[in-house]
């Protein structure tokens, strides 16, 4: 095993720039596994029975929630403290990470009733918009679009509160599980429905109004990335689409840039759009080359 000694030395050299993934001096990062356990706990509280990891009974629901929330608050505070300590190191700021983490953890838990109200509207939008579903329970337990939206509504609260890393861990977990990529920074109104969902991408600065419906393969992306004088990307600029209320975007459509789609408009399948649609009730359709169907008589396959 003598060959391992030079491997260790060369590996050690790659860490000398300080860009490690974790830290041996106790200044660690949020722990992915714990963040995901907390996420499942939050989903379970929002929809008891969601994961099947715990038993809830209507007669004792309040007691069950009251018994679980204190532990969740403490565990959230621990992971958010690690995230804020990381941010302080990265920016050179001086902040009481533990105190700030407790404030954000409290804010998230206080937001749960509002999140649940929004998710109930999202669930109803799916039931109203998909003839293939039979019940709200089916949507909550099985629909990837609903799972992605549920995770987003939790992650978005943390993102807006300035928490690094943790919201993205949550959103990328949902991305891996569902094939739906929603950046935690995206702003999404009520009664949102993603039908099928595979391949949907919603960028960080996207703004979606109420009653928006997206089908599979839809991209709400950036047309270009502004750079500073040194050629570095400028972070935080508005670069993704705005969809007003009651917009429907069909499968495979791509909308790029800081453009606006007026309310009650329909974007057809496979449309590539880089300009605003200002007139409400518009229909934007892609006209493909003429389809020809020919039948070979007497052919044998």
C-alpha atoms as a PDB file:
ATOM      1  CA  UNK A   1       0.000   0.000   0.000  1.00  0.00           C
ATOM      2  CA  UNK A   2       3.006   2.313  -0.307  1.00  0.00           C
ATOM      3  CA  UNK A   3       1.434   3.961  -3.341  1.00  0.00           C
ATOM      4  CA  UNK A   4      -1.182   5.545  -1.050  1.00  0.00           C
ATOM      5  CA  UNK A   5       1.270   7.891   0.686  1.00  0.00           C
ATOM      6  CA  UNK A   6       1.850  10.066  -2.387  1.00  0.00           C
ATOM      7  CA  UNK A   7      -1.905   9.988  -3.079  1.00  0.00           C
ATOM      8  CA  UNK A   8      -2.538  11.436   0.376  1.00  0.00           C
ATOM      9  CA  UNK A   9       0.076  14.142  -0.181  1.00  0.00           C
ATOM     10  CA  UNK A  10      -1.363  15.157  -3.537  1.00  0.00           C
ATOM     11  CA  UNK A  11      -4.880  15.218  -2.120  1.00  0.00           C
ATOM     12  CA  UNK A  12      -3.711  17.389   0.762  1.00  0.00           C
ATOM     13  CA  UNK A  13      -2.272  19.875  -1.725  1.00  0.00           C
ATOM     14  CA  UNK A  14      -5.684  20.308  -3.352  1.00  0.00           C
ATOM     15  CA  UNK A  15      -7.092  21.505  -0.005  1.00  0.00           C
ATOM     16  CA  UNK A  16      -4.525  24.238   0.573  1.00  0.00           C
ATOM     17  CA  UNK A  17      -6.683  26.859  -1.135  1.00  0.00           C
ATOM     18  CA  UNK A  18      -9.158  26.484   1.723  1.00  0.00           C
ATOM     19  CA  UNK A  19     -11.983  25.320  -0.514  1.00  0.00           C
ATOM     20  CA  UNK A  20     -12.965  22.266   1.459  1.00  0.00           C
ATOM     21  CA  UNK A  21     -16.362  20.607   1.534  1.00  0.00           C
ATOM     22  CA  UNK A  22     -16.382  20.160   5.288  1.00  0.00           C
ATOM     23  CA  UNK A  23     -14.110  21.271   8.101  1.00  0.00           C
ATOM     24  CA  UNK A  24     -12.105  19.292  10.627  1.00  0.00           C
ATOM     25  CA  UNK A  25     -12.071  22.132  13.165  1.00  0.00           C
ATOM     26  CA  UNK A  26     -15.760  21.808  13.966  1.00  0.00           C
ATOM     27  CA  UNK A  27     -16.927  24.604  11.689  1.00  0.00           C
ATOM     28  CA  UNK A  28     -19.068  22.327   9.596  1.00  0.00           C
ATOM     29  CA  UNK A  29     -21.805  22.677   7.006  1.00  0.00           C
ATOM     30  CA  UNK A  30     -25.477  21.800   7.266  1.00  0.00           C
ATOM     31  CA  UNK A  31     -25.775  18.029   7.213  1.00  0.00           C
ATOM     32  CA  UNK A  32     -27.660  16.905   4.149  1.00  0.00           C
ATOM     33  CA  UNK A  33     -29.172  13.801   5.728  1.00  0.00           C
ATOM     34  CA  UNK A  34     -30.497  15.777   8.690  1.00  0.00           C
ATOM     35  CA  UNK A  35     -31.884  18.519   6.460  1.00  0.00           C
ATOM     36  CA  UNK A  36     -33.779  15.923   4.440  1.00  0.00           C
ATOM     37  CA  UNK A  37     -35.118  14.268   7.604  1.00  0.00           C
ATOM     38  CA  UNK A  38     -36.340  17.676   8.745  1.00  0.00           C
ATOM     39  CA  UNK A  39     -37.958  18.219   5.359  1.00  0.00           C
ATOM     40  CA  UNK A  40     -39.857  14.939   5.628  1.00  0.00           C
ATOM     41  CA  UNK A  41     -40.905  15.891   9.153  1.00  0.00           C
ATOM     42  CA  UNK A  42     -42.241  19.216   7.892  1.00  0.00           C
ATOM     43  CA  UNK A  43     -44.149  17.498   5.085  1.00  0.00           C
ATOM     44  CA  UNK A  44     -45.552  15.017   7.578  1.00  0.00           C
ATOM     45  CA  UNK A  45     -46.809  17.829   9.790  1.00  0.00           C
ATOM     46  CA  UNK A  46     -48.381  19.606   6.819  1.00  0.00           C
ATOM     47  CA  UNK A  47     -50.076  16.403   5.640  1.00  0.00           C
ATOM     48  CA  UNK A  48     -50.216  13.795   8.425  1.00  0.00           C
ATOM     49  CA  UNK A  49     -49.737  10.341   6.965  1.00  0.00           C
ATOM     50  CA  UNK A  50     -47.824  11.745   3.973  1.00  0.00           C
ATOM     51  CA  UNK A  51     -44.801   9.504   4.461  1.00  0.00           C
ATOM     52  CA  UNK A  52     -46.262   6.838   6.706  1.00  0.00           C
ATOM     53  CA  UNK A  53     -43.375   7.231   9.140  1.00  0.00           C
ATOM     54  CA  UNK A  54     -45.641   8.220  12.016  1.00  0.00           C
ATOM     55  CA  UNK A  55     -49.183   7.586  13.146  1.00  0.00           C
ATOM     56  CA  UNK A  56     -51.639  10.465  13.421  1.00  0.00           C
ATOM     57  CA  UNK A  57     -55.185  10.210  14.729  1.00  0.00           C
ATOM     58  CA  UNK A  58     -57.836  12.849  14.326  1.00  0.00           C
ATOM     59  CA  UNK A  59     -58.796  12.600  17.982  1.00  0.00           C
ATOM     60  CA  UNK A  60     -55.236  13.346  19.126  1.00  0.00           C
ATOM     61  CA  UNK A  61     -53.934  15.436  16.233  1.00  0.00           C
ATOM     62  CA  UNK A  62     -53.379  18.579  18.261  1.00  0.00           C
ATOM     63  CA  UNK A  63     -51.475  16.644  20.900  1.00  0.00           C
ATOM     64  CA  UNK A  64     -49.331  14.935  18.277  1.00  0.00           C
ATOM     65  CA  UNK A  65     -48.440  18.237  16.616  1.00  0.00           C
ATOM     66  CA  UNK A  66     -47.768  19.913  19.959  1.00  0.00           C
ATOM     67  CA  UNK A  67     -45.477  17.037  20.897  1.00  0.00           C
ATOM     68  CA  UNK A  68     -43.456  17.129  17.673  1.00  0.00           C
ATOM     69  CA  UNK A  69     -43.006  20.828  17.030  1.00  0.00           C
ATOM     70  CA  UNK A  70     -40.601  21.587  19.931  1.00  0.00           C
ATOM     71  CA  UNK A  71     -38.118  18.944  18.774  1.00  0.00           C
ATOM     72  CA  UNK A  72     -38.458  20.081  15.189  1.00  0.00           C
ATOM     73  CA  UNK A  73     -37.780  23.661  16.261  1.00  0.00           C
ATOM     74  CA  UNK A  74     -34.585  22.651  18.046  1.00  0.00           C
ATOM     75  CA  UNK A  75     -33.326  20.468  15.187  1.00  0.00           C
ATOM     76  CA  UNK A  76     -34.092  23.163  12.614  1.00  0.00           C
ATOM     77  CA  UNK A  77     -32.193  25.681  14.702  1.00  0.00           C
ATOM     78  CA  UNK A  78     -29.110  23.470  14.727  1.00  0.00           C
ATOM     79  CA  UNK A  79     -28.950  23.063  10.956  1.00  0.00           C
ATOM     80  CA  UNK A  80     -29.784  26.701  10.276  1.00  0.00           C
ATOM     81  CA  UNK A  81     -27.047  27.748  12.707  1.00  0.00           C
ATOM     82  CA  UNK A  82     -24.513  25.757  10.695  1.00  0.00           C
ATOM     83  CA  UNK A  83     -25.761  27.380   7.494  1.00  0.00           C
ATOM     84  CA  UNK A  84     -25.500  30.895   8.939  1.00  0.00           C
ATOM     85  CA  UNK A  85     -22.046  30.199  10.383  1.00  0.00           C
ATOM     86  CA  UNK A  86     -20.977  29.132   6.923  1.00  0.00           C
ATOM     87  CA  UNK A  87     -22.381  32.376   5.480  1.00  0.00           C
ATOM     88  CA  UNK A  88     -20.554  34.431   8.098  1.00  0.00           C
ATOM     89  CA  UNK A  89     -17.252  32.757   7.263  1.00  0.00           C
ATOM     90  CA  UNK A  90     -17.803  33.221   3.548  1.00  0.00           C
ATOM     91  CA  UNK A  91     -18.692  36.910   3.824  1.00  0.00           C
ATOM     92  CA  UNK A  92     -16.594  37.913   6.826  1.00  0.00           C
ATOM     93  CA  UNK A  93     -19.690  39.168   8.615  1.00  0.00           C
ATOM     94  CA  UNK A  94     -20.271  39.115  12.355  1.00  0.00           C
ATOM     95  CA  UNK A  95     -23.642  37.676  13.301  1.00  0.00           C
ATOM     96  CA  UNK A  96     -25.024  35.671  16.195  1.00  0.00           C
ATOM     97  CA  UNK A  97     -25.772  32.635  14.038  1.00  0.00           C
ATOM     98  CA  UNK A  98     -27.570  30.676  16.747  1.00  0.00           C
ATOM     99  CA  UNK A  99     -29.880  33.568  17.629  1.00  0.00           C
ATOM    100  CA  UNK A 100     -30.655  34.338  13.998  1.00  0.00           C
ATOM    101  CA  UNK A 101     -31.259  30.641  13.289  1.00  0.00           C
ATOM    102  CA  UNK A 102     -33.809  30.483  16.089  1.00  0.00           C
ATOM    103  CA  UNK A 103     -35.641  33.464  14.590  1.00  0.00           C
ATOM    104  CA  UNK A 104     -35.776  31.831  11.156  1.00  0.00           C
ATOM    105  CA  UNK A 105     -36.803  28.444  12.571  1.00  0.00           C
ATOM    106  CA  UNK A 106     -39.630  30.150  14.438  1.00  0.00           C
ATOM    107  CA  UNK A 107     -40.621  32.053  11.293  1.00  0.00           C
ATOM    108  CA  UNK A 108     -40.773  28.826   9.287  1.00  0.00           C
ATOM    109  CA  UNK A 109     -42.912  27.042  11.863  1.00  0.00           C
ATOM    110  CA  UNK A 110     -45.212  30.060  12.122  1.00  0.00           C
ATOM    111  CA  UNK A 111     -45.511  29.959   8.323  1.00  0.00           C
ATOM    112  CA  UNK A 112     -46.734  26.345   8.272  1.00  0.00           C
ATOM    113  CA  UNK A 113     -50.478  27.162   8.487  1.00  0.00           C
ATOM    114  CA  UNK A 114     -50.140  29.520   5.517  1.00  0.00           C
ATOM    115  CA  UNK A 115     -48.061  26.989   3.581  1.00  0.00           C
ATOM    116  CA  UNK A 116     -50.678  24.307   4.207  1.00  0.00           C
ATOM    117  CA  UNK A 117     -53.432  26.648   3.006  1.00  0.00           C
ATOM    118  CA  UNK A 118     -51.508  27.297  -0.225  1.00  0.00           C
ATOM    119  CA  UNK A 119     -50.817  23.595  -0.740  1.00  0.00           C
ATOM    120  CA  UNK A 120     -54.483  22.731  -0.307  1.00  0.00           C
ATOM    121  CA  UNK A 121     -55.226  25.165  -3.146  1.00  0.00           C
ATOM    122  CA  UNK A 122     -52.426  23.611  -5.241  1.00  0.00           C
ATOM    123  CA  UNK A 123     -53.899  20.180  -4.574  1.00  0.00           C
ATOM    124  CA  UNK A 124     -57.383  21.314  -5.587  1.00  0.00           C
ATOM    125  CA  UNK A 125     -55.938  22.850  -8.773  1.00  0.00           C
ATOM    126  CA  UNK A 126     -54.469  19.455  -9.637  1.00  0.00           C
ATOM    127  CA  UNK A 127     -57.783  17.713  -8.980  1.00  0.00           C
ATOM    128  CA  UNK A 128     -59.652  20.261 -11.093  1.00  0.00           C
ATOM    129  CA  UNK A 129     -57.075  20.218 -13.893  1.00  0.00           C
ATOM    130  CA  UNK A 130     -56.319  16.528 -14.306  1.00  0.00           C
ATOM    131  CA  UNK A 131     -59.136  14.169 -15.347  1.00  0.00           C
ATOM    132  CA  UNK A 132     -56.914  11.185 -14.559  1.00  0.00           C
ATOM    133  CA  UNK A 133     -56.913  11.737 -10.811  1.00  0.00           C
ATOM    134  CA  UNK A 134     -59.642  10.512  -8.516  1.00  0.00           C
ATOM    135  CA  UNK A 135     -58.958  12.198  -5.176  1.00  0.00           C
ATOM    136  CA  UNK A 136     -56.954  14.743  -3.241  1.00  0.00           C
ATOM    137  CA  UNK A 137     -55.297  11.900  -1.357  1.00  0.00           C
ATOM    138  CA  UNK A 138     -53.991  10.438  -4.619  1.00  0.00           C
ATOM    139  CA  UNK A 139     -52.403  13.782  -5.486  1.00  0.00           C
ATOM    140  CA  UNK A 140     -50.779  14.219  -2.087  1.00  0.00           C
ATOM    141  CA  UNK A 141     -49.425  10.674  -1.927  1.00  0.00           C
ATOM    142  CA  UNK A 142     -48.420  10.072  -5.533  1.00  0.00           C
ATOM    143  CA  UNK A 143     -48.148  13.158  -7.725  1.00  0.00           C
ATOM    144  CA  UNK A 144     -44.561  14.322  -8.358  1.00  0.00           C
ATOM    145  CA  UNK A 145     -45.761  17.806  -9.261  1.00  0.00           C
ATOM    146  CA  UNK A 146     -47.393  18.227  -5.887  1.00  0.00           C
ATOM    147  CA  UNK A 147     -44.316  16.951  -4.041  1.00  0.00           C
ATOM    148  CA  UNK A 148     -42.097  19.405  -5.901  1.00  0.00           C
ATOM    149  CA  UNK A 149     -44.452  22.286  -5.110  1.00  0.00           C
ATOM    150  CA  UNK A 150     -44.726  21.278  -1.436  1.00  0.00           C
ATOM    151  CA  UNK A 151     -40.957  21.199  -1.029  1.00  0.00           C
ATOM    152  CA  UNK A 152     -40.653  24.511  -2.864  1.00  0.00           C
ATOM    153  CA  UNK A 153     -43.097  26.300  -0.594  1.00  0.00           C
ATOM    154  CA  UNK A 154     -41.012  25.270   2.429  1.00  0.00           C
ATOM    155  CA  UNK A 155     -37.649  26.011   0.823  1.00  0.00           C
ATOM    156  CA  UNK A 156     -38.857  29.405  -0.446  1.00  0.00           C
ATOM    157  CA  UNK A 157     -39.520  30.624   3.104  1.00  0.00           C
ATOM    158  CA  UNK A 158     -35.944  29.783   4.092  1.00  0.00           C
ATOM    159  CA  UNK A 159     -34.547  31.314   0.897  1.00  0.00           C
ATOM    160  CA  UNK A 160     -36.405  34.580   1.515  1.00  0.00           C
ATOM    161  CA  UNK A 161     -35.056  34.603   5.071  1.00  0.00           C
ATOM    162  CA  UNK A 162     -31.496  34.587   3.719  1.00  0.00           C
ATOM    163  CA  UNK A 163     -30.560  31.039   4.674  1.00  0.00           C
ATOM    164  CA  UNK A 164     -27.843  29.595   2.403  1.00  0.00           C
ATOM    165  CA  UNK A 165     -27.432  25.947   1.340  1.00  0.00           C
ATOM    166  CA  UNK A 166     -30.441  24.459   3.159  1.00  0.00           C
ATOM    167  CA  UNK A 167     -33.136  25.625   0.675  1.00  0.00           C
ATOM    168  CA  UNK A 168     -31.061  24.326  -2.238  1.00  0.00           C
ATOM    169  CA  UNK A 169     -30.514  20.965  -0.524  1.00  0.00           C
ATOM    170  CA  UNK A 170     -34.290  20.674  -0.246  1.00  0.00           C
ATOM    171  CA  UNK A 171     -35.058  21.768  -3.801  1.00  0.00           C
ATOM    172  CA  UNK A 172     -32.420  19.532  -5.364  1.00  0.00           C
ATOM    173  CA  UNK A 173     -33.752  16.585  -3.362  1.00  0.00           C
ATOM    174  CA  UNK A 174     -37.170  17.256  -4.896  1.00  0.00           C
ATOM    175  CA  UNK A 175     -35.520  17.634  -8.310  1.00  0.00           C
ATOM    176  CA  UNK A 176     -33.857  14.223  -7.999  1.00  0.00           C
ATOM    177  CA  UNK A 177     -37.081  12.595  -6.789  1.00  0.00           C
ATOM    178  CA  UNK A 178     -39.481  14.134  -9.306  1.00  0.00           C
ATOM    179  CA  UNK A 179     -37.517  15.412 -12.309  1.00  0.00           C
ATOM    180  CA  UNK A 180     -38.921  18.891 -11.586  1.00  0.00           C
ATOM    181  CA  UNK A 181     -36.346  21.632 -10.968  1.00  0.00           C
ATOM    182  CA  UNK A 182     -37.748  24.630  -9.089  1.00  0.00           C
ATOM    183  CA  UNK A 183     -35.189  27.064  -7.713  1.00  0.00           C
ATOM    184  CA  UNK A 184     -36.125  28.022  -4.132  1.00  0.00           C
ATOM    185  CA  UNK A 185     -35.976  31.691  -5.109  1.00  0.00           C
ATOM    186  CA  UNK A 186     -38.853  31.446  -7.593  1.00  0.00           C
ATOM    187  CA  UNK A 187     -42.034  33.266  -6.537  1.00  0.00           C
ATOM    188  CA  UNK A 188     -45.167  31.199  -7.147  1.00  0.00           C
ATOM    189  CA  UNK A 189     -48.774  32.249  -6.542  1.00  0.00           C
ATOM    190  CA  UNK A 190     -51.678  30.163  -5.325  1.00  0.00           C
ATOM    191  CA  UNK A 191     -53.412  27.252  -7.092  1.00  0.00           C
ATOM    192  CA  UNK A 192     -50.298  26.188  -9.008  1.00  0.00           C
ATOM    193  CA  UNK A 193     -50.467  22.945 -11.012  1.00  0.00           C
ATOM    194  CA  UNK A 194     -47.694  21.018 -12.755  1.00  0.00           C
ATOM    195  CA  UNK A 195     -49.164  18.253 -14.931  1.00  0.00           C
ATOM    196  CA  UNK A 196     -46.872  15.216 -15.376  1.00  0.00           C
ATOM    197  CA  UNK A 197     -43.906  17.463 -14.652  1.00  0.00           C
ATOM    198  CA  UNK A 198     -40.827  15.604 -15.875  1.00  0.00           C
ATOM    199  CA  UNK A 199     -38.263  18.063 -17.188  1.00  0.00           C
ATOM    200  CA  UNK A 200     -39.924  21.235 -15.861  1.00  0.00           C
ATOM    201  CA  UNK A 201     -37.398  23.962 -14.968  1.00  0.00           C
ATOM    202  CA  UNK A 202     -38.324  27.160 -13.108  1.00  0.00           C
ATOM    203  CA  UNK A 203     -35.458  29.604 -12.630  1.00  0.00           C
ATOM    204  CA  UNK A 204     -34.528  31.616  -9.556  1.00  0.00           C
ATOM    205  CA  UNK A 205     -36.114  34.960 -10.480  1.00  0.00           C
ATOM    206  CA  UNK A 206     -39.243  33.565 -12.120  1.00  0.00           C
ATOM    207  CA  UNK A 207     -42.498  35.111 -10.892  1.00  0.00           C
ATOM    208  CA  UNK A 208     -45.707  33.122 -11.386  1.00  0.00           C
ATOM    209  CA  UNK A 209     -49.147  34.490 -10.600  1.00  0.00           C
ATOM    210  CA  UNK A 210     -52.233  32.598  -9.438  1.00  0.00           C
ATOM    211  CA  UNK A 211     -53.783  29.638 -11.263  1.00  0.00           C
ATOM    212  CA  UNK A 212     -50.756  28.962 -13.472  1.00  0.00           C
ATOM    213  CA  UNK A 213     -50.530  25.551 -15.127  1.00  0.00           C
ATOM    214  CA  UNK A 214     -47.356  24.020 -16.587  1.00  0.00           C
ATOM    215  CA  UNK A 215     -46.981  20.767 -18.479  1.00  0.00           C
ATOM    216  CA  UNK A 216     -43.952  18.498 -18.792  1.00  0.00           C
ATOM    217  CA  UNK A 217     -40.758  19.769 -20.355  1.00  0.00           C
ATOM    218  CA  UNK A 218     -41.498  23.461 -19.791  1.00  0.00           C
ATOM    219  CA  UNK A 219     -38.489  25.713 -19.182  1.00  0.00           C
ATOM    220  CA  UNK A 220     -38.738  29.134 -17.562  1.00  0.00           C
ATOM    221  CA  UNK A 221     -35.104  30.073 -17.965  1.00  0.00           C
ATOM    222  CA  UNK A 222     -32.609  32.861 -18.540  1.00  0.00           C
ATOM    223  CA  UNK A 223     -31.827  34.134 -22.006  1.00  0.00           C
ATOM    224  CA  UNK A 224     -28.407  35.470 -21.075  1.00  0.00           C
ATOM    225  CA  UNK A 225     -26.307  36.009 -17.990  1.00  0.00           C
ATOM    226  CA  UNK A 226     -25.116  39.587 -17.348  1.00  0.00           C
ATOM    227  CA  UNK A 227     -21.431  39.929 -16.445  1.00  0.00           C
ATOM    228  CA  UNK A 228     -19.377  42.613 -14.746  1.00  0.00           C
ATOM    229  CA  UNK A 229     -16.305  44.320 -16.170  1.00  0.00           C
ATOM    230  CA  UNK A 230     -14.124  41.368 -15.190  1.00  0.00           C
ATOM    231  CA  UNK A 231     -16.326  38.863 -16.979  1.00  0.00           C
ATOM    232  CA  UNK A 232     -17.854  37.427 -13.801  1.00  0.00           C
ATOM    233  CA  UNK A 233     -21.561  36.638 -13.633  1.00  0.00           C
ATOM    234  CA  UNK A 234     -23.621  39.292 -11.855  1.00  0.00           C
ATOM    235  CA  UNK A 235     -25.655  37.504  -9.206  1.00  0.00           C
ATOM    236  CA  UNK A 236     -29.206  38.393  -8.258  1.00  0.00           C
ATOM    237  CA  UNK A 237     -30.316  40.180 -11.421  1.00  0.00           C
ATOM    238  CA  UNK A 238     -33.837  39.610 -12.756  1.00  0.00           C
ATOM    239  CA  UNK A 239     -33.391  37.206 -15.664  1.00  0.00           C
ATOM    240  CA  UNK A 240     -36.345  34.801 -15.695  1.00  0.00           C
ATOM    241  CA  UNK A 241     -39.934  35.062 -16.969  1.00  0.00           C
ATOM    242  CA  UNK A 242     -43.023  36.516 -15.327  1.00  0.00           C
ATOM    243  CA  UNK A 243     -46.267  34.605 -15.856  1.00  0.00           C
ATOM    244  CA  UNK A 244     -49.379  36.511 -14.872  1.00  0.00           C
ATOM    245  CA  UNK A 245     -52.556  34.909 -13.489  1.00  0.00           C
ATOM    246  CA  UNK A 246     -54.246  32.037 -15.332  1.00  0.00           C
ATOM    247  CA  UNK A 247     -51.423  31.357 -17.792  1.00  0.00           C
ATOM    248  CA  UNK A 248     -51.083  27.854 -19.241  1.00  0.00           C
ATOM    249  CA  UNK A 249     -47.834  26.621 -20.793  1.00  0.00           C
ATOM    250  CA  UNK A 250     -47.986  23.357 -22.712  1.00  0.00           C
ATOM    251  CA  UNK A 251     -45.415  20.587 -23.023  1.00  0.00           C
ATOM    252  CA  UNK A 252     -41.956  21.362 -24.310  1.00  0.00           C
ATOM    253  CA  UNK A 253     -42.353  25.142 -24.395  1.00  0.00           C
ATOM    254  CA  UNK A 254     -39.333  27.307 -23.534  1.00  0.00           C
ATOM    255  CA  UNK A 255     -39.685  30.863 -22.262  1.00  0.00           C
ATOM    256  CA  UNK A 256     -36.414  32.706 -21.689  1.00  0.00           C
ATOM    257  CA  UNK A 257     -35.428  36.016 -20.154  1.00  0.00           C
ATOM    258  CA  UNK A 258     -37.120  38.720 -18.118  1.00  0.00           C
ATOM    259  CA  UNK A 259     -40.258  38.685 -20.237  1.00  0.00           C
ATOM    260  CA  UNK A 260     -43.911  38.875 -19.211  1.00  0.00           C
ATOM    261  CA  UNK A 261     -46.769  36.651 -20.352  1.00  0.00           C
ATOM    262  CA  UNK A 262     -50.092  38.439 -19.943  1.00  0.00           C
ATOM    263  CA  UNK A 263     -52.888  36.909 -17.912  1.00  0.00           C
ATOM    264  CA  UNK A 264     -55.113  34.189 -19.350  1.00  0.00           C
ATOM    265  CA  UNK A 265     -52.646  33.523 -22.159  1.00  0.00           C
ATOM    266  CA  UNK A 266     -51.849  30.076 -23.536  1.00  0.00           C
ATOM    267  CA  UNK A 267     -48.362  29.117 -24.720  1.00  0.00           C
ATOM    268  CA  UNK A 268     -48.541  26.120 -27.031  1.00  0.00           C
ATOM    269  CA  UNK A 269     -46.325  23.069 -27.042  1.00  0.00           C
ATOM    270  CA  UNK A 270     -42.718  23.367 -28.265  1.00  0.00           C
ATOM    271  CA  UNK A 271     -42.907  27.165 -28.535  1.00  0.00           C
ATOM    272  CA  UNK A 272     -39.576  29.005 -28.120  1.00  0.00           C
ATOM    273  CA  UNK A 273     -40.327  32.463 -26.733  1.00  0.00           C
ATOM    274  CA  UNK A 274     -37.916  35.284 -25.868  1.00  0.00           C
ATOM    275  CA  UNK A 275     -40.262  38.285 -25.989  1.00  0.00           C
ATOM    276  CA  UNK A 276     -43.140  39.484 -23.855  1.00  0.00           C
ATOM    277  CA  UNK A 277     -46.778  38.808 -24.668  1.00  0.00           C
ATOM    278  CA  UNK A 278     -48.532  41.951 -23.464  1.00  0.00           C
ATOM    279  CA  UNK A 279     -52.063  41.272 -24.707  1.00  0.00           C
ATOM    280  CA  UNK A 280     -54.198  39.209 -22.273  1.00  0.00           C
ATOM    281  CA  UNK A 281     -55.961  36.089 -23.574  1.00  0.00           C
ATOM    282  CA  UNK A 282     -53.270  35.566 -26.231  1.00  0.00           C
ATOM    283  CA  UNK A 283     -52.535  32.196 -27.799  1.00  0.00           C
ATOM    284  CA  UNK A 284     -48.967  31.564 -28.911  1.00  0.00           C
ATOM    285  CA  UNK A 285     -48.686  28.515 -31.154  1.00  0.00           C
ATOM    286  CA  UNK A 286     -45.877  26.812 -33.020  1.00  0.00           C
ATOM    287  CA  UNK A 287     -46.689  25.971 -36.640  1.00  0.00           C
ATOM    288  CA  UNK A 288     -44.575  22.985 -37.697  1.00  0.00           C
ATOM    289  CA  UNK A 289     -43.913  21.915 -41.232  1.00  0.00           C
ATOM    290  CA  UNK A 290     -46.867  20.184 -42.840  1.00  0.00           C
ATOM    291  CA  UNK A 291     -47.309  16.643 -41.590  1.00  0.00           C
ATOM    292  CA  UNK A 292     -47.658  14.036 -44.332  1.00  0.00           C
ATOM    293  CA  UNK A 293     -49.031  10.556 -43.803  1.00  0.00           C
ATOM    294  CA  UNK A 294     -48.697   7.994 -46.590  1.00  0.00           C
ATOM    295  CA  UNK A 295     -50.003   4.426 -46.545  1.00  0.00           C
ATOM    296  CA  UNK A 296     -48.151   1.730 -48.497  1.00  0.00           C
ATOM    297  CA  UNK A 297     -50.728  -0.663 -49.824  1.00  0.00           C
ATOM    298  CA  UNK A 298     -49.928  -4.326 -49.537  1.00  0.00           C
ATOM    299  CA  UNK A 299     -46.739  -3.773 -47.587  1.00  0.00           C
ATOM    300  CA  UNK A 300     -45.521  -6.459 -45.227  1.00  0.00           C
ATOM    301  CA  UNK A 301     -43.811  -5.642 -41.917  1.00  0.00           C
END
